[in-house]
């Protein structure tokens, strides 16, 4: 039974475009790369996560760090793992 669940999980893995990986390798902020990939504005993501647009901008520009709670909310909103959002 576990093998079937593992196979289904592997099929559900999202494919990401080469440009996505290129941006991460170039050093772009992972939060911004994920946000752009999902087609979300700063404002839309901020509303989903209950923070200000300015706060997200500061995180994307390396001027602030997200708390563990906010990282969790961002990961849920962006459909990724919290570890994917670390710069």
Protein backbone atom coordinates (compact mmCIF):
# COMPACT_ATOMS: atom_id res chain seq x y z
CA UNK A 1 0.00 0.00 0.00
CA UNK A 2 2.82 2.43 0.82
CA UNK A 3 4.35 1.84 -2.62
CA UNK A 4 1.10 2.95 -4.26
CA UNK A 5 0.96 6.08 -2.10
CA UNK A 6 4.61 6.86 -2.92
CA UNK A 7 3.96 6.43 -6.65
CA UNK A 8 0.95 8.74 -6.54
CA UNK A 9 2.94 11.31 -4.62
CA UNK A 10 5.75 11.19 -7.18
CA UNK A 11 3.26 11.74 -10.00
CA UNK A 12 1.94 14.84 -8.25
CA UNK A 13 5.40 16.43 -8.15
CA UNK A 14 5.37 19.77 -9.89
CA UNK A 15 7.70 20.43 -12.80
CA UNK A 16 9.33 23.83 -12.68
CA UNK A 17 10.55 25.73 -15.73
CA UNK A 18 14.25 26.13 -16.46
CA UNK A 19 13.90 29.89 -15.97
CA UNK A 20 12.81 29.24 -12.39
CA UNK A 21 16.00 27.31 -11.65
CA UNK A 22 18.11 29.84 -13.54
CA UNK A 23 16.81 32.66 -11.36
CA UNK A 24 17.56 30.77 -8.17
CA UNK A 25 21.05 29.89 -9.41
CA UNK A 26 21.61 33.55 -10.30
CA UNK A 27 20.90 34.47 -6.69
CA UNK A 28 17.39 35.90 -6.98
CA UNK A 29 15.45 35.85 -3.73
CA UNK A 30 13.56 32.53 -3.53
CA UNK A 31 10.43 34.21 -2.16
CA UNK A 32 10.27 36.50 -5.18
CA UNK A 33 10.98 33.65 -7.61
CA UNK A 34 8.16 31.57 -6.14
CA UNK A 35 5.80 34.57 -5.99
CA UNK A 36 6.49 35.44 -9.62
CA UNK A 37 6.11 31.79 -10.64
CA UNK A 38 2.67 31.69 -9.02
CA UNK A 39 1.70 34.99 -10.66
CA UNK A 40 1.05 36.77 -7.37
CA UNK A 41 1.63 40.42 -6.62
CA UNK A 42 3.19 41.46 -3.34
CA UNK A 43 -0.22 42.77 -2.28
CA UNK A 44 -2.07 39.55 -3.11
CA UNK A 45 0.44 37.40 -1.24
CA UNK A 46 0.47 39.80 1.69
CA UNK A 47 -3.30 39.59 2.02
CA UNK A 48 -3.21 35.78 1.91
CA UNK A 49 -0.56 35.70 4.65
CA UNK A 50 -1.90 38.51 6.85
CA UNK A 51 1.12 40.81 6.55
CA UNK A 52 1.83 44.08 4.80
CA UNK A 53 3.09 44.43 1.27
CA UNK A 54 5.97 46.44 2.67
CA UNK A 55 7.02 43.58 4.95
CA UNK A 56 7.14 41.14 2.05
CA UNK A 57 9.10 43.64 0.00
CA UNK A 58 11.63 44.01 2.81
CA UNK A 59 12.00 40.21 3.01
CA UNK A 60 12.47 39.94 -0.75
CA UNK A 61 15.16 42.64 -0.66
CA UNK A 62 16.99 41.07 2.29
CA UNK A 63 16.15 43.91 4.68
CA UNK A 64 14.06 41.74 7.02
CA UNK A 65 13.74 38.09 7.96
CA UNK A 66 10.49 36.20 8.04
CA UNK A 67 9.47 34.50 11.27
CA UNK A 68 8.91 30.74 11.22
CA UNK A 69 5.16 31.38 11.37
CA UNK A 70 5.27 33.71 8.37
CA UNK A 71 7.51 31.31 6.43
CA UNK A 72 4.92 28.61 7.01
CA UNK A 73 2.10 30.86 5.77
CA UNK A 74 4.14 31.86 2.71
CA UNK A 75 4.97 28.24 1.91
CA UNK A 76 1.31 27.24 2.14
CA UNK A 77 0.22 30.18 -0.03
CA UNK A 78 2.92 29.46 -2.62
CA UNK A 79 2.54 25.68 -2.58
CA UNK A 80 6.15 24.97 -1.64
CA UNK A 81 8.20 23.86 1.34
CA UNK A 82 9.42 26.34 3.92
CA UNK A 83 13.00 25.33 3.04
CA UNK A 84 12.37 26.45 -0.55
CA UNK A 85 12.00 30.05 0.65
CA UNK A 86 15.36 30.44 2.37
CA UNK A 87 17.75 32.77 0.60
